[in-house]
Amino acid sequence: MNCNFFNRSSPQCVLLTTSKRIMKTWHKIAIITVIIVGILISVKSCVDKRDADITLAYIGSEFIDCELFNENVKALHSVCSDINADGELVVDIMEISFNDSLSQADKQNSDSKLANAVGAGAARVYLIEEKYLMNNASSGVFADLSHLGDGFKNASGEVCGISVKGNTKVEKLGIDASGDIYLAVRIVSEIDALTDKNIEKKHALAMDIAEYILND
């Protein structure tokens, strides 16, 4: 029915107009409901996500065997502590893979994760392939590990990475250690000190983990 200027006040047109308004209202309510549910799900995910006491990062061309990591990560608990005092000891790991099978979008995502892990200090301990260590060695973000052994040196002559090739503890964490892979620890930057009240404890813990892994 065409409700033009002359017949829009008829009962049929009034009913049609009202129906359209109700449909638009329900459509808006449905959209709002979906948004609210999405927010609630996001909040629930954040609440359920465990707050890690220390975060490791794998940076390389392979993938982590997450099942193997979850099975054996408790071995690190012998040198770890509940830094954030939430009653739970959590050691997390970030996978930053540049595998050839990844899509361009996934590789770009890995670039962002790399900047977050290394530049922003999201991770404190790194298991990193040599070429990626070389690319970041001059950035000054890796701590001197010379007290733990000899290894890859930066331009200042500091040992910024120690080889863990063939390391069984690394293998048990679900990481392929058959190639040229190194262990590195992030320094405590001025920004870290300002933004994380537990940073000194995390750094000490990172060094303890490094020593534990290297003592294979």
N, C-alpha and C. Protein backbone atom coordinates (compact mmCIF):
# COMPACT_ATOMS: atom_id res chain seq x y z
N MET A 1 0.85 -1.20 0.00
CA MET A 1 0.00 0.00 0.00
C MET A 1 0.88 1.24 0.00
N ASN A 2 0.57 2.20 -0.88
CA ASN A 2 1.34 3.42 -0.97
C ASN A 2 0.73 4.49 -0.09
N CYS A 3 1.43 4.84 1.02
CA CYS A 3 0.90 5.84 1.96
C CYS A 3 1.42 7.21 1.57
N ASN A 4 0.71 7.86 0.63
CA ASN A 4 1.14 9.18 0.20
C ASN A 4 0.53 10.24 1.11
N PHE A 5 0.71 11.48 0.72
CA PHE A 5 0.27 12.60 1.56
C PHE A 5 -1.23 12.54 1.85
N PHE A 6 -2.04 11.98 0.89
CA PHE A 6 -3.47 12.06 1.03
C PHE A 6 -4.05 10.92 1.86
N ASN A 7 -3.39 9.80 1.95
CA ASN A 7 -4.00 8.69 2.68
C ASN A 7 -3.14 8.19 3.84
N ARG A 8 -2.10 8.93 4.20
CA ARG A 8 -1.21 8.45 5.25
C ARG A 8 -1.89 8.39 6.62
N SER A 9 -3.04 9.09 6.78
CA SER A 9 -3.74 9.06 8.07
C SER A 9 -4.74 7.91 8.16
N SER A 10 -4.87 7.13 7.11
CA SER A 10 -5.80 6.01 7.12
C SER A 10 -5.32 4.97 8.11
N PRO A 11 -6.24 4.16 8.66
CA PRO A 11 -5.85 3.13 9.64
C PRO A 11 -4.78 2.18 9.11
N GLN A 12 -4.90 1.83 7.80
CA GLN A 12 -3.93 0.91 7.23
C GLN A 12 -2.52 1.52 7.22
N CYS A 13 -2.45 2.80 6.87
CA CYS A 13 -1.14 3.46 6.81
C CYS A 13 -0.56 3.67 8.20
N VAL A 14 -1.43 3.99 9.12
CA VAL A 14 -0.97 4.17 10.50
C VAL A 14 -0.37 2.86 11.02
N LEU A 15 -1.07 1.76 10.72
CA LEU A 15 -0.60 0.45 11.16
C LEU A 15 0.73 0.09 10.48
N LEU A 16 0.85 0.39 9.18
CA LEU A 16 2.06 0.09 8.44
C LEU A 16 3.24 0.90 8.97
N THR A 17 3.00 2.19 9.23
CA THR A 17 4.05 3.07 9.74
C THR A 17 4.51 2.61 11.12
N THR A 18 3.53 2.25 11.95
CA THR A 18 3.86 1.76 13.30
C THR A 18 4.69 0.50 13.23
N SER A 19 4.33 -0.39 12.33
CA SER A 19 5.06 -1.65 12.17
C SER A 19 6.51 -1.39 11.75
N LYS A 20 6.70 -0.43 10.83
CA LYS A 20 8.05 -0.10 10.38
C LYS A 20 8.87 0.46 11.53
N ARG A 21 8.23 1.30 12.35
CA ARG A 21 8.94 1.89 13.48
C ARG A 21 9.34 0.80 14.49
N ILE A 22 8.43 -0.14 14.71
CA ILE A 22 8.73 -1.24 15.65
C ILE A 22 9.89 -2.09 15.12
N MET A 23 9.87 -2.35 13.81
CA MET A 23 10.95 -3.16 13.22
C MET A 23 12.29 -2.44 13.34
N LYS A 24 12.31 -1.13 13.10
CA LYS A 24 13.55 -0.37 13.23
C LYS A 24 14.04 -0.38 14.67
N THR A 25 13.09 -0.25 15.61
CA THR A 25 13.45 -0.26 17.03
C THR A 25 14.06 -1.60 17.43
N TRP A 26 13.42 -2.69 17.01
CA TRP A 26 13.94 -4.02 17.33
C TRP A 26 15.29 -4.26 16.68
N HIS A 27 15.48 -3.71 15.48
CA HIS A 27 16.76 -3.85 14.79
C HIS A 27 17.86 -3.16 15.58
N LYS A 28 17.56 -1.96 16.08
CA LYS A 28 18.54 -1.23 16.89
C LYS A 28 18.84 -1.99 18.19
N ILE A 29 17.77 -2.51 18.81
CA ILE A 29 17.95 -3.27 20.05
C ILE A 29 18.83 -4.49 19.81
N ALA A 30 18.62 -5.16 18.67
CA ALA A 30 19.41 -6.36 18.35
C ALA A 30 20.88 -6.00 18.19
N ILE A 31 21.16 -4.88 17.50
CA ILE A 31 22.54 -4.45 17.30
C ILE A 31 23.19 -4.11 18.64
N ILE A 32 22.45 -3.36 19.48
CA ILE A 32 22.98 -2.99 20.79
C ILE A 32 23.24 -4.22 21.65
N THR A 33 22.32 -5.19 21.57
CA THR A 33 22.49 -6.44 22.34
C THR A 33 23.74 -7.18 21.92
N VAL A 34 23.98 -7.25 20.60
CA VAL A 34 25.18 -7.93 20.09
C VAL A 34 26.44 -7.24 20.59
N ILE A 35 26.42 -5.89 20.58
CA ILE A 35 27.58 -5.13 21.04
C ILE A 35 27.83 -5.38 22.53
N ILE A 36 26.75 -5.35 23.32
CA ILE A 36 26.88 -5.57 24.77
C ILE A 36 27.41 -6.96 25.07
N VAL A 37 26.87 -7.96 24.35
CA VAL A 37 27.34 -9.33 24.55
C VAL A 37 28.82 -9.45 24.20
N GLY A 38 29.20 -8.78 23.10
CA GLY A 38 30.61 -8.79 22.70
C GLY A 38 31.51 -8.19 23.75
N ILE A 39 31.05 -7.08 24.34
CA ILE A 39 31.83 -6.43 25.40
C ILE A 39 31.94 -7.34 26.60
N LEU A 40 30.82 -7.96 26.98
CA LEU A 40 30.83 -8.86 28.13
C LEU A 40 31.76 -10.04 27.91
N ILE A 41 31.74 -10.57 26.67
CA ILE A 41 32.64 -11.68 26.36
C ILE A 41 34.09 -11.23 26.45
N SER A 42 34.37 -10.02 25.95
CA SER A 42 35.73 -9.49 26.02
C SER A 42 36.18 -9.32 27.46
N VAL A 43 35.29 -8.77 28.28
CA VAL A 43 35.61 -8.57 29.68
C VAL A 43 35.87 -9.90 30.35
N LYS A 44 35.02 -10.89 30.04
CA LYS A 44 35.19 -12.22 30.62
C LYS A 44 36.53 -12.81 30.22
N SER A 45 36.93 -12.61 28.96
CA SER A 45 38.21 -13.11 28.51
C SER A 45 39.35 -12.48 29.29
N CYS A 46 39.25 -11.18 29.51
CA CYS A 46 40.29 -10.47 30.27
C CYS A 46 40.33 -10.97 31.71
N VAL A 47 39.16 -11.20 32.29
CA VAL A 47 39.10 -11.65 33.68
C VAL A 47 39.66 -13.06 33.81
N ASP A 48 39.32 -13.92 32.84
CA ASP A 48 39.77 -15.30 32.90
C ASP A 48 41.25 -15.46 32.56
N LYS A 49 41.80 -14.50 31.82
CA LYS A 49 43.20 -14.60 31.42
C LYS A 49 44.10 -14.46 32.64
N ARG A 50 45.01 -15.40 32.79
CA ARG A 50 45.91 -15.38 33.93
C ARG A 50 46.99 -14.33 33.74
N ASP A 51 47.32 -13.64 34.79
CA ASP A 51 48.34 -12.61 34.76
C ASP A 51 49.71 -13.26 34.95
N ALA A 52 50.54 -13.22 33.93
CA ALA A 52 51.82 -13.93 33.98
C ALA A 52 52.80 -13.24 34.93
N ASP A 53 53.54 -14.04 35.68
CA ASP A 53 54.61 -13.51 36.52
C ASP A 53 55.83 -13.18 35.67
N ILE A 54 56.05 -13.95 34.64
CA ILE A 54 57.17 -13.71 33.71
C ILE A 54 56.75 -14.22 32.34
N THR A 55 57.18 -13.51 31.30
CA THR A 55 56.84 -13.90 29.93
C THR A 55 58.11 -14.15 29.13
N LEU A 56 58.16 -15.31 28.49
CA LEU A 56 59.23 -15.65 27.57
C LEU A 56 58.74 -15.37 26.15
N ALA A 57 59.68 -15.27 25.22
CA ALA A 57 59.30 -15.10 23.81
C ALA A 57 60.17 -15.98 22.94
N TYR A 58 59.51 -16.64 21.99
CA TYR A 58 60.25 -17.36 20.95
C TYR A 58 60.18 -16.52 19.68
N ILE A 59 61.34 -16.25 19.08
CA ILE A 59 61.40 -15.46 17.85
C ILE A 59 62.19 -16.26 16.82
N GLY A 60 61.50 -16.73 15.80
CA GLY A 60 62.18 -17.54 14.80
C GLY A 60 61.28 -17.96 13.67
N SER A 61 61.75 -18.92 12.89
CA SER A 61 61.03 -19.34 11.68
C SER A 61 60.19 -20.59 11.88
N GLU A 62 60.20 -21.14 13.08
CA GLU A 62 59.41 -22.33 13.37
C GLU A 62 58.19 -21.96 14.23
N PHE A 63 57.50 -22.98 14.74
CA PHE A 63 56.35 -22.75 15.62
C PHE A 63 56.58 -23.46 16.95
N ILE A 64 55.95 -22.96 17.99
CA ILE A 64 56.04 -23.58 19.31
C ILE A 64 55.05 -24.74 19.39
N ASP A 65 55.47 -25.81 20.00
CA ASP A 65 54.57 -26.91 20.32
C ASP A 65 53.94 -26.57 21.67
N CYS A 66 52.77 -25.93 21.62
CA CYS A 66 52.13 -25.42 22.85
C CYS A 66 51.78 -26.53 23.83
N GLU A 67 51.40 -27.67 23.30
CA GLU A 67 51.06 -28.79 24.17
C GLU A 67 52.29 -29.24 24.97
N LEU A 68 53.42 -29.30 24.30
CA LEU A 68 54.67 -29.68 24.96
C LEU A 68 55.09 -28.62 25.97
N PHE A 69 54.91 -27.35 25.61
CA PHE A 69 55.23 -26.26 26.53
C PHE A 69 54.41 -26.36 27.81
N ASN A 70 53.11 -26.55 27.66
CA ASN A 70 52.23 -26.64 28.83
C ASN A 70 52.55 -27.85 29.71
N GLU A 71 53.03 -28.91 29.08
CA GLU A 71 53.37 -30.11 29.84
C GLU A 71 54.63 -29.92 30.68
N ASN A 72 55.58 -29.12 30.16
CA ASN A 72 56.90 -29.05 30.79
C ASN A 72 57.25 -27.70 31.40
N VAL A 73 56.39 -26.69 31.25
CA VAL A 73 56.73 -25.36 31.75
C VAL A 73 56.89 -25.35 33.27
N LYS A 74 56.24 -26.29 33.96
CA LYS A 74 56.34 -26.33 35.42
C LYS A 74 57.76 -26.61 35.90
N ALA A 75 58.61 -27.11 34.99
CA ALA A 75 60.01 -27.32 35.35
C ALA A 75 60.68 -25.99 35.70
N LEU A 76 60.17 -24.90 35.12
CA LEU A 76 60.73 -23.57 35.41
C LEU A 76 60.27 -23.05 36.77
N HIS A 77 59.21 -23.65 37.32
CA HIS A 77 58.68 -23.18 38.59
C HIS A 77 59.68 -23.33 39.73
N SER A 78 60.66 -24.20 39.54
CA SER A 78 61.66 -24.40 40.60
C SER A 78 62.52 -23.16 40.80
N VAL A 79 62.57 -22.29 39.79
CA VAL A 79 63.37 -21.06 39.93
C VAL A 79 62.49 -19.81 39.89
N CYS A 80 61.17 -20.02 39.78
CA CYS A 80 60.25 -18.89 39.66
C CYS A 80 59.54 -18.59 40.98
N SER A 81 58.89 -17.44 41.03
CA SER A 81 58.13 -17.04 42.21
C SER A 81 56.90 -16.26 41.78
N ASP A 82 55.94 -16.17 42.68
CA ASP A 82 54.69 -15.46 42.42
C ASP A 82 54.92 -13.96 42.59
N ILE A 83 55.49 -13.35 41.56
CA ILE A 83 55.89 -11.94 41.64
C ILE A 83 54.71 -11.01 41.84
N ASN A 84 53.61 -11.27 41.15
CA ASN A 84 52.46 -10.35 41.24
C ASN A 84 51.55 -10.67 42.42
N ALA A 85 51.92 -11.68 43.22
CA ALA A 85 51.21 -12.01 44.46
C ALA A 85 49.72 -12.24 44.24
N ASP A 86 49.37 -12.93 43.14
CA ASP A 86 47.97 -13.26 42.89
C ASP A 86 47.64 -14.69 43.30
N GLY A 87 48.59 -15.35 43.95
CA GLY A 87 48.36 -16.70 44.43
C GLY A 87 48.56 -17.77 43.39
N GLU A 88 49.06 -17.40 42.22
CA GLU A 88 49.24 -18.37 41.14
C GLU A 88 50.56 -18.09 40.42
N LEU A 89 51.34 -19.14 40.20
CA LEU A 89 52.62 -19.00 39.51
C LEU A 89 52.41 -19.28 38.02
N VAL A 90 52.61 -18.27 37.19
CA VAL A 90 52.33 -18.39 35.76
C VAL A 90 53.55 -17.95 34.95
N VAL A 91 54.04 -18.85 34.12
CA VAL A 91 55.09 -18.54 33.16
C VAL A 91 54.47 -18.62 31.77
N ASP A 92 54.47 -17.52 31.06
CA ASP A 92 53.81 -17.45 29.75
C ASP A 92 54.88 -17.40 28.65
N ILE A 93 54.46 -17.65 27.43
CA ILE A 93 55.37 -17.56 26.29
C ILE A 93 54.66 -16.95 25.09
N MET A 94 55.38 -16.10 24.37
CA MET A 94 54.86 -15.49 23.15
C MET A 94 55.51 -16.17 21.96
N GLU A 95 54.71 -16.54 20.99
CA GLU A 95 55.24 -17.10 19.74
C GLU A 95 55.29 -16.01 18.70
N ILE A 96 56.50 -15.69 18.23
CA ILE A 96 56.67 -14.70 17.18
C ILE A 96 57.36 -15.40 16.02
N SER A 97 56.53 -15.94 15.14
CA SER A 97 57.05 -16.77 14.05
C SER A 97 57.03 -16.02 12.73
N PHE A 98 58.08 -16.25 11.94
CA PHE A 98 58.16 -15.68 10.60
C PHE A 98 58.27 -16.82 9.58
N ASN A 99 57.50 -17.87 9.83
CA ASN A 99 57.50 -19.04 8.97
C ASN A 99 57.03 -18.68 7.57
N ASP A 100 57.62 -19.32 6.57
CA ASP A 100 57.27 -19.03 5.18
C ASP A 100 55.82 -19.36 4.86
N SER A 101 55.20 -20.23 5.64
CA SER A 101 53.81 -20.62 5.38
C SER A 101 52.80 -19.56 5.82
N LEU A 102 53.26 -18.57 6.57
CA LEU A 102 52.35 -17.55 7.08
C LEU A 102 51.89 -16.61 5.97
N SER A 103 50.69 -16.11 6.13
CA SER A 103 50.18 -15.10 5.19
C SER A 103 50.88 -13.77 5.46
N GLN A 104 50.75 -12.85 4.54
CA GLN A 104 51.36 -11.54 4.70
C GLN A 104 50.81 -10.83 5.94
N ALA A 105 49.51 -11.00 6.18
CA ALA A 105 48.89 -10.38 7.35
C ALA A 105 49.46 -10.95 8.64
N ASP A 106 49.67 -12.28 8.66
CA ASP A 106 50.23 -12.92 9.85
C ASP A 106 51.67 -12.49 10.08
N LYS A 107 52.42 -12.31 9.01
CA LYS A 107 53.80 -11.83 9.14
C LYS A 107 53.84 -10.40 9.69
N GLN A 108 52.90 -9.59 9.24
CA GLN A 108 52.81 -8.22 9.77
C GLN A 108 52.43 -8.25 11.25
N ASN A 109 51.57 -9.19 11.62
CA ASN A 109 51.20 -9.36 13.02
C ASN A 109 52.42 -9.77 13.85
N SER A 110 53.26 -10.63 13.28
CA SER A 110 54.49 -11.03 13.96
C SER A 110 55.43 -9.85 14.13
N ASP A 111 55.47 -8.96 13.14
CA ASP A 111 56.29 -7.74 13.26
C ASP A 111 55.82 -6.89 14.44
N SER A 112 54.50 -6.77 14.59
CA SER A 112 53.94 -5.98 15.69
C SER A 112 54.24 -6.65 17.03
N LYS A 113 54.11 -7.97 17.08
CA LYS A 113 54.41 -8.71 18.31
C LYS A 113 55.89 -8.60 18.67
N LEU A 114 56.76 -8.58 17.64
CA LEU A 114 58.19 -8.44 17.88
C LEU A 114 58.50 -7.09 18.50
N ALA A 115 57.87 -6.04 17.97
CA ALA A 115 58.08 -4.70 18.53
C ALA A 115 57.58 -4.62 19.96
N ASN A 116 56.47 -5.30 20.23
CA ASN A 116 55.90 -5.31 21.58
C ASN A 116 56.77 -6.11 22.54
N ALA A 117 57.28 -7.24 22.08
CA ALA A 117 58.08 -8.11 22.94
C ALA A 117 59.45 -7.52 23.24
N VAL A 118 60.12 -7.02 22.21
CA VAL A 118 61.48 -6.50 22.37
C VAL A 118 61.48 -5.02 22.73
N GLY A 119 60.80 -4.22 21.91
CA GLY A 119 60.82 -2.78 22.12
C GLY A 119 60.10 -2.34 23.38
N ALA A 120 58.90 -2.89 23.59
CA ALA A 120 58.09 -2.48 24.75
C ALA A 120 58.35 -3.33 25.98
N GLY A 121 59.13 -4.38 25.84
CA GLY A 121 59.48 -5.18 27.01
C GLY A 121 58.38 -6.09 27.50
N ALA A 122 57.47 -6.51 26.60
CA ALA A 122 56.39 -7.42 27.02
C ALA A 122 56.95 -8.76 27.46
N ALA A 123 58.09 -9.15 26.89
CA ALA A 123 58.77 -10.38 27.30
C ALA A 123 60.10 -10.03 27.94
N ARG A 124 60.57 -10.90 28.83
CA ARG A 124 61.83 -10.64 29.54
C ARG A 124 62.93 -11.61 29.14
N VAL A 125 62.56 -12.83 28.72
CA VAL A 125 63.52 -13.83 28.28
C VAL A 125 63.20 -14.19 26.84
N TYR A 126 64.25 -14.30 26.02
CA TYR A 126 64.05 -14.57 24.60
C TYR A 126 64.81 -15.80 24.17
N LEU A 127 64.15 -16.64 23.40
CA LEU A 127 64.78 -17.75 22.70
C LEU A 127 64.66 -17.37 21.23
N ILE A 128 65.77 -16.92 20.67
CA ILE A 128 65.72 -16.17 19.42
C ILE A 128 66.74 -16.69 18.42
N GLU A 129 66.31 -16.86 17.18
CA GLU A 129 67.20 -17.31 16.12
C GLU A 129 68.25 -16.24 15.83
N GLU A 130 69.40 -16.70 15.35
CA GLU A 130 70.57 -15.83 15.20
C GLU A 130 70.30 -14.59 14.34
N LYS A 131 69.62 -14.76 13.21
CA LYS A 131 69.42 -13.62 12.32
C LYS A 131 68.57 -12.54 12.95
N TYR A 132 67.62 -12.94 13.81
CA TYR A 132 66.79 -11.95 14.48
C TYR A 132 67.55 -11.32 15.66
N LEU A 133 68.44 -12.09 16.26
CA LEU A 133 69.30 -11.53 17.29
C LEU A 133 70.24 -10.50 16.69
N MET A 134 70.80 -10.82 15.53
CA MET A 134 71.70 -9.88 14.85
C MET A 134 70.98 -8.58 14.51
N ASN A 135 69.73 -8.70 14.06
CA ASN A 135 68.97 -7.51 13.66
C ASN A 135 68.66 -6.59 14.84
N ASN A 136 68.64 -7.16 16.05
CA ASN A 136 68.26 -6.37 17.23
C ASN A 136 69.39 -6.16 18.23
N ALA A 137 70.57 -6.75 17.95
CA ALA A 137 71.68 -6.69 18.90
C ALA A 137 72.15 -5.25 19.16
N SER A 138 72.09 -4.42 18.13
CA SER A 138 72.59 -3.05 18.27
C SER A 138 71.57 -2.10 18.90
N SER A 139 70.38 -2.60 19.20
CA SER A 139 69.33 -1.73 19.74
C SER A 139 69.53 -1.43 21.21
N GLY A 140 70.39 -2.20 21.87
CA GLY A 140 70.67 -1.96 23.29
C GLY A 140 69.60 -2.46 24.23
N VAL A 141 68.76 -3.38 23.76
CA VAL A 141 67.66 -3.86 24.61
C VAL A 141 68.00 -5.16 25.32
N PHE A 142 69.14 -5.78 24.96
CA PHE A 142 69.50 -7.05 25.56
C PHE A 142 70.56 -6.85 26.64
N ALA A 143 70.38 -7.55 27.76
CA ALA A 143 71.30 -7.44 28.89
C ALA A 143 72.60 -8.19 28.62
N ASP A 144 73.66 -7.79 29.30
CA ASP A 144 74.95 -8.46 29.20
C ASP A 144 74.89 -9.78 29.97
N LEU A 145 75.15 -10.89 29.29
CA LEU A 145 75.10 -12.21 29.90
C LEU A 145 76.49 -12.83 30.03
N SER A 146 77.51 -12.00 30.01
CA SER A 146 78.87 -12.52 30.04
C SER A 146 79.17 -13.31 31.30
N HIS A 147 78.42 -13.03 32.38
CA HIS A 147 78.64 -13.78 33.63
C HIS A 147 78.09 -15.20 33.54
N LEU A 148 77.32 -15.47 32.47
CA LEU A 148 76.76 -16.81 32.28
C LEU A 148 77.49 -17.60 31.19
N GLY A 149 78.41 -16.95 30.50
CA GLY A 149 79.16 -17.65 29.47
C GLY A 149 79.47 -16.77 28.28
N ASP A 150 80.14 -17.35 27.29
CA ASP A 150 80.49 -16.63 26.07
C ASP A 150 79.38 -16.81 25.04
N GLY A 151 79.33 -15.92 24.07
CA GLY A 151 78.29 -16.04 23.07
C GLY A 151 78.33 -14.93 22.06
N PHE A 152 77.17 -14.58 21.55
CA PHE A 152 77.03 -13.54 20.52
C PHE A 152 77.24 -12.18 21.16
N LYS A 153 78.18 -11.40 20.61
CA LYS A 153 78.52 -10.10 21.20
C LYS A 153 77.95 -8.96 20.35
N ASN A 154 77.53 -7.90 21.04
CA ASN A 154 77.08 -6.70 20.32
C ASN A 154 78.29 -5.81 20.01
N ALA A 155 78.04 -4.64 19.46
CA ALA A 155 79.13 -3.75 19.05
C ALA A 155 79.98 -3.28 20.22
N SER A 156 79.41 -3.33 21.43
CA SER A 156 80.15 -2.91 22.62
C SER A 156 80.96 -4.05 23.23
N GLY A 157 80.86 -5.22 22.65
CA GLY A 157 81.60 -6.36 23.15
C GLY A 157 80.90 -7.12 24.26
N GLU A 158 79.65 -6.75 24.54
CA GLU A 158 78.87 -7.44 25.57
C GLU A 158 78.22 -8.69 24.98
N VAL A 159 78.13 -9.73 25.79
CA VAL A 159 77.46 -10.96 25.36
C VAL A 159 75.95 -10.75 25.48
N CYS A 160 75.28 -10.57 24.36
CA CYS A 160 73.83 -10.31 24.39
C CYS A 160 73.01 -11.56 24.09
N GLY A 161 73.69 -12.65 23.74
CA GLY A 161 72.99 -13.90 23.48
C GLY A 161 73.92 -15.09 23.63
N ILE A 162 73.42 -16.16 24.22
CA ILE A 162 74.21 -17.38 24.40
C ILE A 162 73.50 -18.53 23.70
N SER A 163 74.26 -19.28 22.93
CA SER A 163 73.67 -20.36 22.13
C SER A 163 73.02 -21.43 23.01
N VAL A 164 71.83 -21.85 22.58
CA VAL A 164 71.14 -22.96 23.24
C VAL A 164 70.86 -24.06 22.22
N LYS A 165 71.69 -24.11 21.20
CA LYS A 165 71.53 -25.13 20.17
C LYS A 165 71.63 -26.50 20.80
N GLY A 166 70.63 -27.34 20.58
CA GLY A 166 70.61 -28.69 21.13
C GLY A 166 70.26 -28.75 22.60
N ASN A 167 69.85 -27.63 23.19
CA ASN A 167 69.52 -27.59 24.62
C ASN A 167 68.23 -28.38 24.88
N THR A 168 68.32 -29.38 25.76
CA THR A 168 67.15 -30.24 26.01
C THR A 168 66.04 -29.50 26.75
N LYS A 169 66.40 -28.54 27.60
CA LYS A 169 65.39 -27.80 28.34
C LYS A 169 64.58 -26.91 27.40
N VAL A 170 65.25 -26.37 26.40
CA VAL A 170 64.55 -25.56 25.39
C VAL A 170 63.64 -26.46 24.55
N GLU A 171 64.15 -27.63 24.19
CA GLU A 171 63.35 -28.58 23.41
C GLU A 171 62.09 -28.98 24.17
N LYS A 172 62.22 -29.17 25.48
CA LYS A 172 61.07 -29.56 26.29
C LYS A 172 60.03 -28.45 26.40
N LEU A 173 60.43 -27.23 26.10
CA LEU A 173 59.48 -26.10 26.09
C LEU A 173 58.76 -25.99 24.75
N GLY A 174 58.95 -26.99 23.91
CA GLY A 174 58.24 -27.01 22.63
C GLY A 174 58.88 -26.19 21.55
N ILE A 175 60.18 -25.87 21.71
CA ILE A 175 60.89 -25.03 20.75
C ILE A 175 61.99 -25.83 20.07
N ASP A 176 62.04 -25.76 18.75
CA ASP A 176 63.06 -26.46 17.99
C ASP A 176 64.42 -25.79 18.24
N ALA A 177 65.31 -26.52 18.91
CA ALA A 177 66.63 -25.97 19.24
C ALA A 177 67.73 -26.57 18.37
N SER A 178 67.36 -27.11 17.22
CA SER A 178 68.35 -27.75 16.35
C SER A 178 69.12 -26.73 15.52
N GLY A 179 68.57 -25.53 15.38
CA GLY A 179 69.24 -24.50 14.58
C GLY A 179 70.06 -23.56 15.44
N ASP A 180 70.44 -22.43 14.85
CA ASP A 180 71.23 -21.43 15.56
C ASP A 180 70.30 -20.54 16.38
N ILE A 181 70.00 -20.99 17.59
CA ILE A 181 69.09 -20.26 18.46
C ILE A 181 69.82 -19.85 19.73
N TYR A 182 69.50 -18.66 20.21
CA TYR A 182 70.19 -18.08 21.35
C TYR A 182 69.21 -17.70 22.45
N LEU A 183 69.74 -17.64 23.65
CA LEU A 183 68.96 -17.12 24.78
C LEU A 183 69.42 -15.70 25.06
N ALA A 184 68.47 -14.80 25.25
CA ALA A 184 68.78 -13.40 25.56
C ALA A 184 67.82 -12.92 26.65
N VAL A 185 68.21 -11.88 27.36
CA VAL A 185 67.38 -11.30 28.43
C VAL A 185 67.29 -9.80 28.18
N ARG A 186 66.10 -9.27 28.35
CA ARG A 186 65.92 -7.84 28.13
C ARG A 186 66.45 -7.03 29.31
N ILE A 187 67.02 -5.88 28.99
CA ILE A 187 67.50 -4.98 30.05
C ILE A 187 66.31 -4.35 30.78
N VAL A 188 66.60 -3.71 31.89
CA VAL A 188 65.59 -2.90 32.57
C VAL A 188 65.77 -1.47 32.09
N SER A 189 64.87 -1.01 31.25
CA SER A 189 64.96 0.35 30.72
C SER A 189 64.34 1.35 31.69
N GLU A 190 64.53 2.62 31.41
CA GLU A 190 63.93 3.67 32.25
C GLU A 190 62.41 3.58 32.20
N ILE A 191 61.87 3.28 31.02
CA ILE A 191 60.42 3.16 30.89
C ILE A 191 59.91 1.97 31.68
N ASP A 192 60.66 0.85 31.62
CA ASP A 192 60.28 -0.33 32.40
C ASP A 192 60.18 0.02 33.88
N ALA A 193 61.19 0.75 34.37
CA ALA A 193 61.24 1.10 35.78
C ALA A 193 60.09 2.00 36.20
N LEU A 194 59.64 2.83 35.26
CA LEU A 194 58.55 3.76 35.57
C LEU A 194 57.17 3.10 35.49
N THR A 195 57.04 2.09 34.63
CA THR A 195 55.71 1.53 34.36
C THR A 195 55.44 0.20 35.06
N ASP A 196 56.47 -0.44 35.60
CA ASP A 196 56.28 -1.76 36.22
C ASP A 196 56.96 -1.80 37.58
N LYS A 197 56.16 -1.83 38.63
CA LYS A 197 56.70 -1.81 39.99
C LYS A 197 57.47 -3.09 40.32
N ASN A 198 57.21 -4.15 39.56
CA ASN A 198 57.86 -5.44 39.81
C ASN A 198 59.02 -5.71 38.87
N ILE A 199 59.47 -4.70 38.15
CA ILE A 199 60.44 -4.93 37.08
C ILE A 199 61.76 -5.50 37.58
N GLU A 200 62.24 -5.06 38.73
CA GLU A 200 63.51 -5.57 39.24
C GLU A 200 63.39 -7.05 39.61
N LYS A 201 62.24 -7.42 40.17
CA LYS A 201 62.00 -8.83 40.50
C LYS A 201 61.91 -9.66 39.22
N LYS A 202 61.26 -9.10 38.19
CA LYS A 202 61.14 -9.81 36.92
C LYS A 202 62.51 -9.99 36.27
N HIS A 203 63.35 -8.96 36.38
CA HIS A 203 64.67 -9.04 35.78
C HIS A 203 65.51 -10.11 36.50
N ALA A 204 65.44 -10.11 37.82
CA ALA A 204 66.17 -11.12 38.59
C ALA A 204 65.68 -12.52 38.24
N LEU A 205 64.37 -12.65 38.09
CA LEU A 205 63.78 -13.94 37.72
C LEU A 205 64.21 -14.35 36.32
N ALA A 206 64.26 -13.39 35.40
CA ALA A 206 64.69 -13.67 34.03
C ALA A 206 66.12 -14.21 34.02
N MET A 207 66.98 -13.63 34.86
CA MET A 207 68.36 -14.08 34.95
C MET A 207 68.42 -15.49 35.56
N ASP A 208 67.57 -15.75 36.53
CA ASP A 208 67.52 -17.09 37.13
C ASP A 208 67.09 -18.13 36.11
N ILE A 209 66.08 -17.77 35.29
CA ILE A 209 65.61 -18.69 34.25
C ILE A 209 66.70 -18.91 33.22
N ALA A 210 67.41 -17.85 32.84
CA ALA A 210 68.50 -17.96 31.88
C ALA A 210 69.57 -18.91 32.41
N GLU A 211 69.94 -18.75 33.65
CA GLU A 211 70.96 -19.61 34.24
C GLU A 211 70.48 -21.06 34.31
N TYR A 212 69.21 -21.24 34.66
CA TYR A 212 68.65 -22.60 34.73
C TYR A 212 68.67 -23.28 33.38
N ILE A 213 68.25 -22.56 32.33
CA ILE A 213 68.22 -23.15 30.99
C ILE A 213 69.61 -23.46 30.47
N LEU A 214 70.55 -22.53 30.69
CA LEU A 214 71.91 -22.70 30.19
C LEU A 214 72.67 -23.80 30.92
N ASN A 215 72.26 -24.09 32.15
CA ASN A 215 72.89 -25.17 32.90
C ASN A 215 72.24 -26.50 32.54
N ASP A 216 72.38 -26.86 31.25
CA ASP A 216 71.70 -28.05 30.71
C ASP A 216 72.59 -29.28 30.81
